[in-house]
């Protein structure tokens, strides 16, 4: 009799459990009709995804969710992106939505390269069929333009109300320097402003409160750091060399020497030469650091995090010159005579 009762009890428990699991997996979980946006970032694993689904109340049980994925051999089939999921969907329907590719169909991936300027970004986004170049310049500003003097162009949109870090940026120049280089997932029908906001949001996340505190302790504004970092981005090849380059520029700034950075001349002329001509160097622009000492009017490209870190935490060296050799090596010099010898050695100047 005891064995019979035990067997009946086990059957009842299994029936209840199976019914509960069946309800979770196959039946609508809630009465609500709400559609929620659920974001899966690249690199997120099943545990993190199931945890986030539960926190947003899209599933009731993370363990069952992960078990179903395991049975379906679908752990690596979940697609990154923004998914629209029903609040009352069954777990099976949610899993099918996450692996169906629907989110991918609505989105496109874009990659902004470290060191690209606004011309590069505009050309790239237009090639992707996302924007017209002129629309980008009208929104964020034309590269190299000082709107205090150029009255023919309307000023770009001021985003400083949305982003405190832009309050230091002069309003007479573009957003050059602040469109953070990274890979982004965007909706194919995203507006240009939405794309720009994603980049500015990313910039805001990358600049930590510690970085801000350390740069202010150096009596440097964020705008100055980004301007310097944009030159470092074009000159240094590794994180270590970028810090050395930063040290050179800080040494020059302290003495009031001109930075004489070739990339600032290229920004003015639109060329990409390693060695600007004498005529190029004479270009009359506030971005030309051969003609005008100190930092240029603004950033000359959009620097990556290594260049920004180098601008905040430079190498404390005694170098005042450097060259990039044809073989890609960076040679640093303590004085002009040493610099001349290095140029003779590598360039036969």
C-alpha atoms as a PDB file:
ATOM      1  CA  UNK A   1       0.000   0.000   0.000  1.00  0.00           C
ATOM      2  CA  UNK A   2       2.818   2.381   0.875  1.00  0.00           C
ATOM      3  CA  UNK A   3       4.531   1.655  -2.448  1.00  0.00           C
ATOM      4  CA  UNK A   4       1.267   2.377  -4.290  1.00  0.00           C
ATOM      5  CA  UNK A   5       0.799   5.691  -2.508  1.00  0.00           C
ATOM      6  CA  UNK A   6       4.410   6.640  -3.180  1.00  0.00           C
ATOM      7  CA  UNK A   7       3.993   5.806  -6.865  1.00  0.00           C
ATOM      8  CA  UNK A   8       0.775   7.851  -7.063  1.00  0.00           C
ATOM      9  CA  UNK A   9       2.497  10.764  -5.326  1.00  0.00           C
ATOM     10  CA  UNK A  10       5.380  10.639  -7.802  1.00  0.00           C
ATOM     11  CA  UNK A  11       2.941  10.530 -10.732  1.00  0.00           C
ATOM     12  CA  UNK A  12       1.033  13.529  -9.333  1.00  0.00           C
ATOM     13  CA  UNK A  13       4.262  15.512  -8.809  1.00  0.00           C
ATOM     14  CA  UNK A  14       5.527  14.666 -12.306  1.00  0.00           C
ATOM     15  CA  UNK A  15       2.144  15.626 -13.784  1.00  0.00           C
ATOM     16  CA  UNK A  16       2.186  18.982 -12.009  1.00  0.00           C
ATOM     17  CA  UNK A  17       5.815  19.662 -12.949  1.00  0.00           C
ATOM     18  CA  UNK A  18       5.294  18.636 -16.579  1.00  0.00           C
ATOM     19  CA  UNK A  19       2.175  20.773 -16.754  1.00  0.00           C
ATOM     20  CA  UNK A  20       4.067  23.712 -15.297  1.00  0.00           C
ATOM     21  CA  UNK A  21       6.959  23.253 -17.734  1.00  0.00           C
ATOM     22  CA  UNK A  22       4.537  22.816 -20.654  1.00  0.00           C
ATOM     23  CA  UNK A  23       2.762  26.042 -19.671  1.00  0.00           C
ATOM     24  CA  UNK A  24       6.061  27.964 -19.480  1.00  0.00           C
ATOM     25  CA  UNK A  25       7.398  26.614 -22.747  1.00  0.00           C
ATOM     26  CA  UNK A  26       4.337  26.449 -24.981  1.00  0.00           C
ATOM     27  CA  UNK A  27       1.574  28.634 -23.495  1.00  0.00           C
ATOM     28  CA  UNK A  28       1.344  32.427 -23.310  1.00  0.00           C
ATOM     29  CA  UNK A  29       2.874  33.440 -20.018  1.00  0.00           C
ATOM     30  CA  UNK A  30       0.970  36.649 -19.313  1.00  0.00           C
ATOM     31  CA  UNK A  31      -2.157  38.442 -20.315  1.00  0.00           C
ATOM     32  CA  UNK A  32      -0.354  41.605 -21.439  1.00  0.00           C
ATOM     33  CA  UNK A  33       0.022  42.527 -25.136  1.00  0.00           C
ATOM     34  CA  UNK A  34       3.092  44.727 -24.574  1.00  0.00           C
ATOM     35  CA  UNK A  35       5.967  44.489 -27.068  1.00  0.00           C
ATOM     36  CA  UNK A  36       9.366  45.047 -25.481  1.00  0.00           C
ATOM     37  CA  UNK A  37      12.678  45.891 -27.131  1.00  0.00           C
ATOM     38  CA  UNK A  38      15.298  43.385 -26.020  1.00  0.00           C
ATOM     39  CA  UNK A  39      18.956  44.082 -26.859  1.00  0.00           C
ATOM     40  CA  UNK A  40      21.585  41.365 -27.240  1.00  0.00           C
ATOM     41  CA  UNK A  41      25.108  42.721 -27.521  1.00  0.00           C
ATOM     42  CA  UNK A  42      27.859  40.939 -29.389  1.00  0.00           C
ATOM     43  CA  UNK A  43      29.718  38.507 -27.159  1.00  0.00           C
ATOM     44  CA  UNK A  44      26.917  37.984 -24.634  1.00  0.00           C
ATOM     45  CA  UNK A  45      26.554  34.362 -23.534  1.00  0.00           C
ATOM     46  CA  UNK A  46      23.450  32.284 -22.834  1.00  0.00           C
ATOM     47  CA  UNK A  47      23.620  32.887 -19.067  1.00  0.00           C
ATOM     48  CA  UNK A  48      23.706  36.655 -19.476  1.00  0.00           C
ATOM     49  CA  UNK A  49      20.939  36.602 -22.096  1.00  0.00           C
ATOM     50  CA  UNK A  50      18.640  34.440 -19.958  1.00  0.00           C
ATOM     51  CA  UNK A  51      19.317  36.622 -16.924  1.00  0.00           C
ATOM     52  CA  UNK A  52      18.416  39.764 -18.888  1.00  0.00           C
ATOM     53  CA  UNK A  53      15.245  38.139 -20.274  1.00  0.00           C
ATOM     54  CA  UNK A  54      14.131  37.270 -16.766  1.00  0.00           C
ATOM     55  CA  UNK A  55      14.937  40.754 -15.448  1.00  0.00           C
ATOM     56  CA  UNK A  56      12.763  42.252 -18.192  1.00  0.00           C
ATOM     57  CA  UNK A  57      10.036  39.721 -17.271  1.00  0.00           C
ATOM     58  CA  UNK A  58      10.041  38.166 -20.721  1.00  0.00           C
ATOM     59  CA  UNK A  59      10.645  34.669 -19.319  1.00  0.00           C
ATOM     60  CA  UNK A  60       9.821  33.128 -15.940  1.00  0.00           C
ATOM     61  CA  UNK A  61      12.632  30.638 -15.595  1.00  0.00           C
ATOM     62  CA  UNK A  62      16.240  31.028 -16.782  1.00  0.00           C
ATOM     63  CA  UNK A  63      17.154  27.371 -16.209  1.00  0.00           C
ATOM     64  CA  UNK A  64      14.373  26.081 -18.451  1.00  0.00           C
ATOM     65  CA  UNK A  65      15.285  28.645 -21.118  1.00  0.00           C
ATOM     66  CA  UNK A  66      18.920  27.507 -21.092  1.00  0.00           C
ATOM     67  CA  UNK A  67      17.903  23.828 -21.063  1.00  0.00           C
ATOM     68  CA  UNK A  68      15.707  24.253 -24.141  1.00  0.00           C
ATOM     69  CA  UNK A  69      18.536  25.979 -25.966  1.00  0.00           C
ATOM     70  CA  UNK A  70      20.803  23.081 -25.065  1.00  0.00           C
ATOM     71  CA  UNK A  71      18.300  20.497 -26.355  1.00  0.00           C
ATOM     72  CA  UNK A  72      17.855  22.500 -29.569  1.00  0.00           C
ATOM     73  CA  UNK A  73      21.646  22.879 -29.887  1.00  0.00           C
ATOM     74  CA  UNK A  74      20.955  26.569 -30.363  1.00  0.00           C
ATOM     75  CA  UNK A  75      23.286  28.113 -27.767  1.00  0.00           C
ATOM     76  CA  UNK A  76      25.399  29.707 -30.519  1.00  0.00           C
ATOM     77  CA  UNK A  77      22.517  30.535 -32.846  1.00  0.00           C
ATOM     78  CA  UNK A  78      21.124  33.510 -30.928  1.00  0.00           C
ATOM     79  CA  UNK A  79      21.693  36.648 -32.972  1.00  0.00           C
ATOM     80  CA  UNK A  80      22.955  39.941 -31.608  1.00  0.00           C
ATOM     81  CA  UNK A  81      20.849  43.031 -32.144  1.00  0.00           C
ATOM     82  CA  UNK A  82      17.590  44.575 -31.042  1.00  0.00           C
ATOM     83  CA  UNK A  83      14.685  42.119 -30.869  1.00  0.00           C
ATOM     84  CA  UNK A  84      11.010  42.997 -30.506  1.00  0.00           C
ATOM     85  CA  UNK A  85       9.543  40.403 -28.119  1.00  0.00           C
ATOM     86  CA  UNK A  86       5.975  40.036 -26.895  1.00  0.00           C
ATOM     87  CA  UNK A  87       5.392  40.228 -23.176  1.00  0.00           C
ATOM     88  CA  UNK A  88       2.885  37.372 -23.447  1.00  0.00           C
ATOM     89  CA  UNK A  89       4.909  35.131 -25.769  1.00  0.00           C
ATOM     90  CA  UNK A  90       5.709  31.557 -24.860  1.00  0.00           C
ATOM     91  CA  UNK A  91       9.319  30.679 -24.199  1.00  0.00           C
ATOM     92  CA  UNK A  92       9.464  28.628 -27.405  1.00  0.00           C
ATOM     93  CA  UNK A  93       8.256  31.593 -29.443  1.00  0.00           C
ATOM     94  CA  UNK A  94      10.837  33.883 -27.797  1.00  0.00           C
ATOM     95  CA  UNK A  95      13.657  31.426 -28.544  1.00  0.00           C
ATOM     96  CA  UNK A  96      12.551  31.118 -32.177  1.00  0.00           C
ATOM     97  CA  UNK A  97      12.497  34.910 -32.476  1.00  0.00           C
ATOM     98  CA  UNK A  98      16.006  35.204 -31.039  1.00  0.00           C
ATOM     99  CA  UNK A  99      17.464  32.740 -33.545  1.00  0.00           C
ATOM    100  CA  UNK A 100      15.313  33.593 -36.572  1.00  0.00           C
ATOM    101  CA  UNK A 101      17.419  36.484 -37.916  1.00  0.00           C
ATOM    102  CA  UNK A 102      14.562  38.997 -37.754  1.00  0.00           C
ATOM    103  CA  UNK A 103      16.701  41.464 -35.825  1.00  0.00           C
ATOM    104  CA  UNK A 104      19.532  41.141 -38.313  1.00  0.00           C
ATOM    105  CA  UNK A 105      17.200  41.834 -41.223  1.00  0.00           C
ATOM    106  CA  UNK A 106      16.222  45.146 -39.663  1.00  0.00           C
ATOM    107  CA  UNK A 107      19.758  46.176 -38.743  1.00  0.00           C
ATOM    108  CA  UNK A 108      23.090  46.848 -40.358  1.00  0.00           C
ATOM    109  CA  UNK A 109      26.568  46.864 -38.847  1.00  0.00           C
ATOM    110  CA  UNK A 110      28.854  49.840 -39.457  1.00  0.00           C
ATOM    111  CA  UNK A 111      32.470  50.293 -38.399  1.00  0.00           C
ATOM    112  CA  UNK A 112      34.048  53.706 -37.875  1.00  0.00           C
ATOM    113  CA  UNK A 113      37.841  53.405 -38.022  1.00  0.00           C
ATOM    114  CA  UNK A 114      40.144  55.119 -35.515  1.00  0.00           C
ATOM    115  CA  UNK A 115      41.649  58.200 -37.135  1.00  0.00           C
ATOM    116  CA  UNK A 116      38.868  58.789 -39.645  1.00  0.00           C
ATOM    117  CA  UNK A 117      37.840  62.405 -40.071  1.00  0.00           C
ATOM    118  CA  UNK A 118      34.374  63.671 -40.993  1.00  0.00           C
ATOM    119  CA  UNK A 119      35.101  63.362 -44.719  1.00  0.00           C
ATOM    120  CA  UNK A 120      35.972  59.676 -44.237  1.00  0.00           C
ATOM    121  CA  UNK A 121      32.873  59.011 -42.138  1.00  0.00           C
ATOM    122  CA  UNK A 122      30.571  60.818 -44.564  1.00  0.00           C
ATOM    123  CA  UNK A 123      31.981  58.945 -47.554  1.00  0.00           C
ATOM    124  CA  UNK A 124      31.690  55.605 -45.752  1.00  0.00           C
ATOM    125  CA  UNK A 125      28.103  56.099 -44.550  1.00  0.00           C
ATOM    126  CA  UNK A 126      27.029  57.254 -48.002  1.00  0.00           C
ATOM    127  CA  UNK A 127      28.656  54.176 -49.555  1.00  0.00           C
ATOM    128  CA  UNK A 128      26.589  52.066 -47.143  1.00  0.00           C
ATOM    129  CA  UNK A 129      23.480  53.719 -48.529  1.00  0.00           C
ATOM    130  CA  UNK A 130      22.613  55.262 -45.171  1.00  0.00           C
ATOM    131  CA  UNK A 131      23.055  59.008 -45.754  1.00  0.00           C
ATOM    132  CA  UNK A 132      23.990  61.771 -48.178  1.00  0.00           C
ATOM    133  CA  UNK A 133      27.355  63.305 -47.320  1.00  0.00           C
ATOM    134  CA  UNK A 134      26.081  66.879 -47.347  1.00  0.00           C
ATOM    135  CA  UNK A 135      23.425  66.004 -44.792  1.00  0.00           C
ATOM    136  CA  UNK A 136      26.143  64.860 -42.371  1.00  0.00           C
ATOM    137  CA  UNK A 137      28.098  68.090 -42.780  1.00  0.00           C
ATOM    138  CA  UNK A 138      24.975  70.195 -42.334  1.00  0.00           C
ATOM    139  CA  UNK A 139      24.204  68.372 -39.083  1.00  0.00           C
ATOM    140  CA  UNK A 140      27.655  68.102 -37.447  1.00  0.00           C
ATOM    141  CA  UNK A 141      29.625  70.745 -39.357  1.00  0.00           C
ATOM    142  CA  UNK A 142      32.129  70.857 -42.184  1.00  0.00           C
ATOM    143  CA  UNK A 143      35.702  69.780 -41.386  1.00  0.00           C
ATOM    144  CA  UNK A 144      38.176  72.616 -40.946  1.00  0.00           C
ATOM    145  CA  UNK A 145      35.563  75.371 -41.098  1.00  0.00           C
ATOM    146  CA  UNK A 146      35.555  78.218 -38.595  1.00  0.00           C
ATOM    147  CA  UNK A 147      31.913  79.295 -38.519  1.00  0.00           C
ATOM    148  CA  UNK A 148      32.846  82.583 -36.867  1.00  0.00           C
ATOM    149  CA  UNK A 149      34.291  83.667 -40.199  1.00  0.00           C
ATOM    150  CA  UNK A 150      32.407  81.562 -42.721  1.00  0.00           C
ATOM    151  CA  UNK A 151      28.985  83.176 -42.877  1.00  0.00           C
ATOM    152  CA  UNK A 152      27.868  81.348 -46.016  1.00  0.00           C
ATOM    153  CA  UNK A 153      27.278  78.084 -44.165  1.00  0.00           C
ATOM    154  CA  UNK A 154      24.649  77.611 -41.483  1.00  0.00           C
ATOM    155  CA  UNK A 155      26.067  76.528 -38.138  1.00  0.00           C
ATOM    156  CA  UNK A 156      25.822  72.808 -37.254  1.00  0.00           C
ATOM    157  CA  UNK A 157      23.429  71.540 -34.612  1.00  0.00           C
ATOM    158  CA  UNK A 158      24.490  72.189 -31.033  1.00  0.00           C
ATOM    159  CA  UNK A 159      24.340  68.894 -29.088  1.00  0.00           C
ATOM    160  CA  UNK A 160      25.691  70.376 -25.846  1.00  0.00           C
ATOM    161  CA  UNK A 161      22.254  70.395 -24.197  1.00  0.00           C
ATOM    162  CA  UNK A 162      22.133  66.606 -24.495  1.00  0.00           C
ATOM    163  CA  UNK A 163      25.813  65.994 -23.689  1.00  0.00           C
ATOM    164  CA  UNK A 164      27.615  67.859 -20.944  1.00  0.00           C
ATOM    165  CA  UNK A 165      31.039  66.913 -22.354  1.00  0.00           C
ATOM    166  CA  UNK A 166      30.301  69.108 -25.395  1.00  0.00           C
ATOM    167  CA  UNK A 167      29.831  72.288 -23.356  1.00  0.00           C
ATOM    168  CA  UNK A 168      33.600  72.937 -23.550  1.00  0.00           C
ATOM    169  CA  UNK A 169      33.694  72.529 -27.317  1.00  0.00           C
ATOM    170  CA  UNK A 170      33.666  75.859 -29.182  1.00  0.00           C
ATOM    171  CA  UNK A 171      30.409  76.288 -31.091  1.00  0.00           C
ATOM    172  CA  UNK A 172      32.182  77.654 -34.161  1.00  0.00           C
ATOM    173  CA  UNK A 173      33.619  74.283 -35.243  1.00  0.00           C
ATOM    174  CA  UNK A 174      32.317  70.840 -36.168  1.00  0.00           C
ATOM    175  CA  UNK A 175      31.870  67.699 -34.068  1.00  0.00           C
ATOM    176  CA  UNK A 176      35.191  66.386 -35.372  1.00  0.00           C
ATOM    177  CA  UNK A 177      36.845  64.335 -32.643  1.00  0.00           C
ATOM    178  CA  UNK A 178      33.683  63.272 -30.838  1.00  0.00           C
ATOM    179  CA  UNK A 179      32.251  60.631 -33.206  1.00  0.00           C
ATOM    180  CA  UNK A 180      33.787  57.711 -31.375  1.00  0.00           C
ATOM    181  CA  UNK A 181      35.393  55.050 -33.602  1.00  0.00           C
ATOM    182  CA  UNK A 182      33.761  51.663 -33.017  1.00  0.00           C
ATOM    183  CA  UNK A 183      31.470  49.037 -34.531  1.00  0.00           C
ATOM    184  CA  UNK A 184      27.783  49.887 -34.252  1.00  0.00           C
ATOM    185  CA  UNK A 185      24.547  48.061 -34.994  1.00  0.00           C
ATOM    186  CA  UNK A 186      21.912  50.430 -36.334  1.00  0.00           C
ATOM    187  CA  UNK A 187      18.489  50.069 -37.897  1.00  0.00           C
ATOM    188  CA  UNK A 188      18.605  50.291 -41.668  1.00  0.00           C
ATOM    189  CA  UNK A 189      16.024  53.062 -41.540  1.00  0.00           C
ATOM    190  CA  UNK A 190      17.780  54.955 -38.719  1.00  0.00           C
ATOM    191  CA  UNK A 191      17.928  58.706 -39.128  1.00  0.00           C
ATOM    192  CA  UNK A 192      21.287  60.412 -39.484  1.00  0.00           C
ATOM    193  CA  UNK A 193      20.790  62.072 -36.118  1.00  0.00           C
ATOM    194  CA  UNK A 194      20.165  58.684 -34.478  1.00  0.00           C
ATOM    195  CA  UNK A 195      23.476  57.418 -35.881  1.00  0.00           C
ATOM    196  CA  UNK A 196      25.315  60.473 -34.543  1.00  0.00           C
ATOM    197  CA  UNK A 197      23.646  60.090 -31.134  1.00  0.00           C
ATOM    198  CA  UNK A 198      24.873  56.476 -30.917  1.00  0.00           C
ATOM    199  CA  UNK A 199      28.442  57.670 -31.488  1.00  0.00           C
ATOM    200  CA  UNK A 200      28.115  60.463 -28.934  1.00  0.00           C
ATOM    201  CA  UNK A 201      26.582  58.053 -26.395  1.00  0.00           C
ATOM    202  CA  UNK A 202      29.578  55.772 -26.900  1.00  0.00           C
ATOM    203  CA  UNK A 203      32.006  58.661 -26.445  1.00  0.00           C
ATOM    204  CA  UNK A 204      30.263  59.551 -23.191  1.00  0.00           C
ATOM    205  CA  UNK A 205      30.699  55.976 -21.923  1.00  0.00           C
ATOM    206  CA  UNK A 206      34.365  55.757 -22.892  1.00  0.00           C
ATOM    207  CA  UNK A 207      35.464  58.930 -21.050  1.00  0.00           C
ATOM    208  CA  UNK A 208      35.411  57.920 -17.393  1.00  0.00           C
ATOM    209  CA  UNK A 209      35.082  60.223 -14.386  1.00  0.00           C
ATOM    210  CA  UNK A 210      38.661  59.310 -13.392  1.00  0.00           C
ATOM    211  CA  UNK A 211      39.957  60.377 -16.796  1.00  0.00           C
ATOM    212  CA  UNK A 212      38.074  63.648 -16.498  1.00  0.00           C
ATOM    213  CA  UNK A 213      39.446  64.258 -13.001  1.00  0.00           C
ATOM    214  CA  UNK A 214      43.021  63.499 -14.052  1.00  0.00           C
ATOM    215  CA  UNK A 215      42.896  65.812 -17.066  1.00  0.00           C
ATOM    216  CA  UNK A 216      41.438  68.650 -15.033  1.00  0.00           C
ATOM    217  CA  UNK A 217      44.237  68.153 -12.498  1.00  0.00           C
ATOM    218  CA  UNK A 218      46.614  68.813 -15.407  1.00  0.00           C
ATOM    219  CA  UNK A 219      44.697  72.049 -16.144  1.00  0.00           C
ATOM    220  CA  UNK A 220      43.568  70.535 -19.441  1.00  0.00           C
ATOM    221  CA  UNK A 221      40.035  70.689 -20.780  1.00  0.00           C
ATOM    222  CA  UNK A 222      38.436  67.692 -22.467  1.00  0.00           C
ATOM    223  CA  UNK A 223      38.310  69.618 -25.751  1.00  0.00           C
ATOM    224  CA  UNK A 224      42.060  70.213 -25.571  1.00  0.00           C
ATOM    225  CA  UNK A 225      42.694  66.550 -24.782  1.00  0.00           C
ATOM    226  CA  UNK A 226      40.606  65.386 -27.749  1.00  0.00           C
ATOM    227  CA  UNK A 227      42.335  67.904 -30.018  1.00  0.00           C
ATOM    228  CA  UNK A 228      45.770  66.666 -28.950  1.00  0.00           C
ATOM    229  CA  UNK A 229      44.634  63.018 -29.109  1.00  0.00           C
ATOM    230  CA  UNK A 230      43.503  63.504 -32.699  1.00  0.00           C
ATOM    231  CA  UNK A 231      47.073  64.474 -33.703  1.00  0.00           C
ATOM    232  CA  UNK A 232      48.555  61.621 -31.671  1.00  0.00           C
ATOM    233  CA  UNK A 233      46.180  59.229 -33.462  1.00  0.00           C
ATOM    234  CA  UNK A 234      47.696  60.199 -36.795  1.00  0.00           C
ATOM    235  CA  UNK A 235      51.313  60.058 -35.591  1.00  0.00           C
ATOM    236  CA  UNK A 236      51.682  57.108 -33.197  1.00  0.00           C
ATOM    237  CA  UNK A 237      51.363  53.469 -34.184  1.00  0.00           C
ATOM    238  CA  UNK A 238      51.268  51.654 -30.829  1.00  0.00           C
ATOM    239  CA  UNK A 239      49.879  52.579 -27.413  1.00  0.00           C
ATOM    240  CA  UNK A 240      53.456  52.935 -26.120  1.00  0.00           C
ATOM    241  CA  UNK A 241      54.588  55.163 -28.974  1.00  0.00           C
ATOM    242  CA  UNK A 242      51.450  57.256 -28.708  1.00  0.00           C
ATOM    243  CA  UNK A 243      52.402  58.083 -25.121  1.00  0.00           C
ATOM    244  CA  UNK A 244      55.901  59.033 -26.278  1.00  0.00           C
ATOM    245  CA  UNK A 245      54.450  61.265 -29.002  1.00  0.00           C
ATOM    246  CA  UNK A 246      52.205  62.860 -26.380  1.00  0.00           C
ATOM    247  CA  UNK A 247      55.296  63.532 -24.264  1.00  0.00           C
ATOM    248  CA  UNK A 248      56.972  65.278 -27.219  1.00  0.00           C
ATOM    249  CA  UNK A 249      53.963  67.528 -27.786  1.00  0.00           C
ATOM    250  CA  UNK A 250      53.634  68.400 -24.102  1.00  0.00           C
ATOM    251  CA  UNK A 251      57.343  69.312 -24.038  1.00  0.00           C
ATOM    252  CA  UNK A 252      56.878  71.573 -27.037  1.00  0.00           C
ATOM    253  CA  UNK A 253      53.736  73.177 -25.633  1.00  0.00           C
ATOM    254  CA  UNK A 254      55.543  73.925 -22.382  1.00  0.00           C
ATOM    255  CA  UNK A 255      58.304  75.782 -24.255  1.00  0.00           C
ATOM    256  CA  UNK A 256      55.889  77.527 -26.610  1.00  0.00           C
ATOM    257  CA  UNK A 257      57.324  75.674 -29.616  1.00  0.00           C
ATOM    258  CA  UNK A 258      55.155  75.015 -32.639  1.00  0.00           C
ATOM    259  CA  UNK A 259      53.923  71.422 -32.718  1.00  0.00           C
ATOM    260  CA  UNK A 260      54.800  71.165 -36.432  1.00  0.00           C
ATOM    261  CA  UNK A 261      52.549  68.126 -36.849  1.00  0.00           C
ATOM    262  CA  UNK A 262      52.304  67.036 -40.486  1.00  0.00           C
ATOM    263  CA  UNK A 263      48.768  65.587 -40.077  1.00  0.00           C
ATOM    264  CA  UNK A 264      47.422  69.042 -39.210  1.00  0.00           C
ATOM    265  CA  UNK A 265      48.708  70.315 -42.552  1.00  0.00           C
ATOM    266  CA  UNK A 266      47.112  67.375 -44.352  1.00  0.00           C
ATOM    267  CA  UNK A 267      43.829  68.196 -42.638  1.00  0.00           C
ATOM    268  CA  UNK A 268      43.996  71.654 -44.172  1.00  0.00           C
ATOM    269  CA  UNK A 269      45.059  70.552 -47.668  1.00  0.00           C
ATOM    270  CA  UNK A 270      43.054  67.337 -47.825  1.00  0.00           C
ATOM    271  CA  UNK A 271      46.165  65.388 -48.774  1.00  0.00           C
ATOM    272  CA  UNK A 272      47.495  62.227 -47.122  1.00  0.00           C
ATOM    273  CA  UNK A 273      51.208  62.709 -47.753  1.00  0.00           C
ATOM    274  CA  UNK A 274      53.800  61.696 -45.152  1.00  0.00           C
ATOM    275  CA  UNK A 275      55.820  64.840 -45.871  1.00  0.00           C
ATOM    276  CA  UNK A 276      53.887  68.016 -46.733  1.00  0.00           C
ATOM    277  CA  UNK A 277      55.461  70.380 -49.253  1.00  0.00           C
ATOM    278  CA  UNK A 278      56.743  73.853 -48.358  1.00  0.00           C
ATOM    279  CA  UNK A 279      53.640  75.340 -49.980  1.00  0.00           C
ATOM    280  CA  UNK A 280      51.436  73.048 -47.880  1.00  0.00           C
ATOM    281  CA  UNK A 281      53.224  74.118 -44.710  1.00  0.00           C
ATOM    282  CA  UNK A 282      52.516  77.762 -45.553  1.00  0.00           C
ATOM    283  CA  UNK A 283      48.744  77.165 -45.728  1.00  0.00           C
ATOM    284  CA  UNK A 284      47.026  79.879 -43.731  1.00  0.00           C
ATOM    285  CA  UNK A 285      44.726  77.984 -41.394  1.00  0.00           C
ATOM    286  CA  UNK A 286      44.255  77.870 -37.637  1.00  0.00           C
ATOM    287  CA  UNK A 287      44.614  74.090 -37.983  1.00  0.00           C
ATOM    288  CA  UNK A 288      48.165  74.427 -39.372  1.00  0.00           C
ATOM    289  CA  UNK A 289      50.537  73.793 -36.453  1.00  0.00           C
ATOM    290  CA  UNK A 290      53.562  74.764 -38.535  1.00  0.00           C
ATOM    291  CA  UNK A 291      52.256  78.277 -39.017  1.00  0.00           C
ATOM    292  CA  UNK A 292      50.617  78.763 -35.624  1.00  0.00           C
ATOM    293  CA  UNK A 293      52.019  77.566 -32.262  1.00  0.00           C
ATOM    294  CA  UNK A 294      49.910  75.731 -29.720  1.00  0.00           C
ATOM    295  CA  UNK A 295      47.031  73.369 -30.398  1.00  0.00           C
ATOM    296  CA  UNK A 296      45.080  73.688 -33.647  1.00  0.00           C
ATOM    297  CA  UNK A 297      41.591  75.196 -33.740  1.00  0.00           C
ATOM    298  CA  UNK A 298      40.081  71.782 -33.045  1.00  0.00           C
ATOM    299  CA  UNK A 299      40.508  68.025 -33.559  1.00  0.00           C
ATOM    300  CA  UNK A 300      41.680  66.832 -36.970  1.00  0.00           C
ATOM    301  CA  UNK A 301      40.132  63.347 -36.756  1.00  0.00           C
ATOM    302  CA  UNK A 302      38.208  61.092 -34.412  1.00  0.00           C
ATOM    303  CA  UNK A 303      40.760  59.430 -32.103  1.00  0.00           C
ATOM    304  CA  UNK A 304      40.522  56.008 -30.501  1.00  0.00           C
ATOM    305  CA  UNK A 305      40.781  55.337 -26.794  1.00  0.00           C
ATOM    306  CA  UNK A 306      44.570  54.635 -26.872  1.00  0.00           C
ATOM    307  CA  UNK A 307      45.237  58.103 -28.261  1.00  0.00           C
ATOM    308  CA  UNK A 308      42.921  59.743 -25.732  1.00  0.00           C
ATOM    309  CA  UNK A 309      44.611  57.857 -22.889  1.00  0.00           C
ATOM    310  CA  UNK A 310      48.025  58.933 -24.242  1.00  0.00           C
ATOM    311  CA  UNK A 311      46.925  62.572 -24.265  1.00  0.00           C
ATOM    312  CA  UNK A 312      45.848  62.310 -20.622  1.00  0.00           C
ATOM    313  CA  UNK A 313      48.749  60.143 -19.433  1.00  0.00           C
ATOM    314  CA  UNK A 314      51.761  61.022 -21.618  1.00  0.00           C
ATOM    315  CA  UNK A 315      55.218  59.519 -21.283  1.00  0.00           C
ATOM    316  CA  UNK A 316      57.339  61.800 -19.130  1.00  0.00           C
ATOM    317  CA  UNK A 317      60.298  62.030 -21.521  1.00  0.00           C
ATOM    318  CA  UNK A 318      62.798  64.642 -22.715  1.00  0.00           C
ATOM    319  CA  UNK A 319      62.162  64.234 -26.439  1.00  0.00           C
ATOM    320  CA  UNK A 320      61.280  67.176 -28.675  1.00  0.00           C
ATOM    321  CA  UNK A 321      61.352  65.533 -32.117  1.00  0.00           C
ATOM    322  CA  UNK A 322      60.451  62.240 -33.782  1.00  0.00           C
ATOM    323  CA  UNK A 323      60.280  60.675 -37.227  1.00  0.00           C
ATOM    324  CA  UNK A 324      58.413  57.754 -38.724  1.00  0.00           C
ATOM    325  CA  UNK A 325      60.896  55.799 -40.817  1.00  0.00           C
ATOM    326  CA  UNK A 326      59.993  54.178 -44.172  1.00  0.00           C
ATOM    327  CA  UNK A 327      60.082  50.819 -42.354  1.00  0.00           C
ATOM    328  CA  UNK A 328      57.440  51.956 -39.886  1.00  0.00           C
ATOM    329  CA  UNK A 329      59.772  52.520 -36.938  1.00  0.00           C
ATOM    330  CA  UNK A 330      59.435  55.599 -34.727  1.00  0.00           C
ATOM    331  CA  UNK A 331      62.699  57.336 -33.811  1.00  0.00           C
ATOM    332  CA  UNK A 332      62.680  59.979 -31.065  1.00  0.00           C
ATOM    333  CA  UNK A 333      65.274  62.750 -30.624  1.00  0.00           C
ATOM    334  CA  UNK A 334      66.247  64.954 -27.680  1.00  0.00           C
ATOM    335  CA  UNK A 335      67.314  67.972 -29.768  1.00  0.00           C
ATOM    336  CA  UNK A 336      67.302  69.366 -33.299  1.00  0.00           C
ATOM    337  CA  UNK A 337      70.854  68.243 -34.092  1.00  0.00           C
ATOM    338  CA  UNK A 338      69.990  64.665 -33.190  1.00  0.00           C
ATOM    339  CA  UNK A 339      66.804  64.988 -35.213  1.00  0.00           C
ATOM    340  CA  UNK A 340      68.765  66.179 -38.273  1.00  0.00           C
ATOM    341  CA  UNK A 341      71.101  63.208 -38.025  1.00  0.00           C
ATOM    342  CA  UNK A 342      68.154  60.833 -37.900  1.00  0.00           C
ATOM    343  CA  UNK A 343      66.598  62.446 -40.959  1.00  0.00           C
ATOM    344  CA  UNK A 344      69.879  62.139 -42.836  1.00  0.00           C
ATOM    345  CA  UNK A 345      70.111  58.504 -41.874  1.00  0.00           C
ATOM    346  CA  UNK A 346      66.593  57.524 -42.951  1.00  0.00           C
ATOM    347  CA  UNK A 347      65.604  60.116 -45.580  1.00  0.00           C
ATOM    348  CA  UNK A 348      68.896  61.539 -46.928  1.00  0.00           C
ATOM    349  CA  UNK A 349      67.682  65.102 -46.182  1.00  0.00           C
END
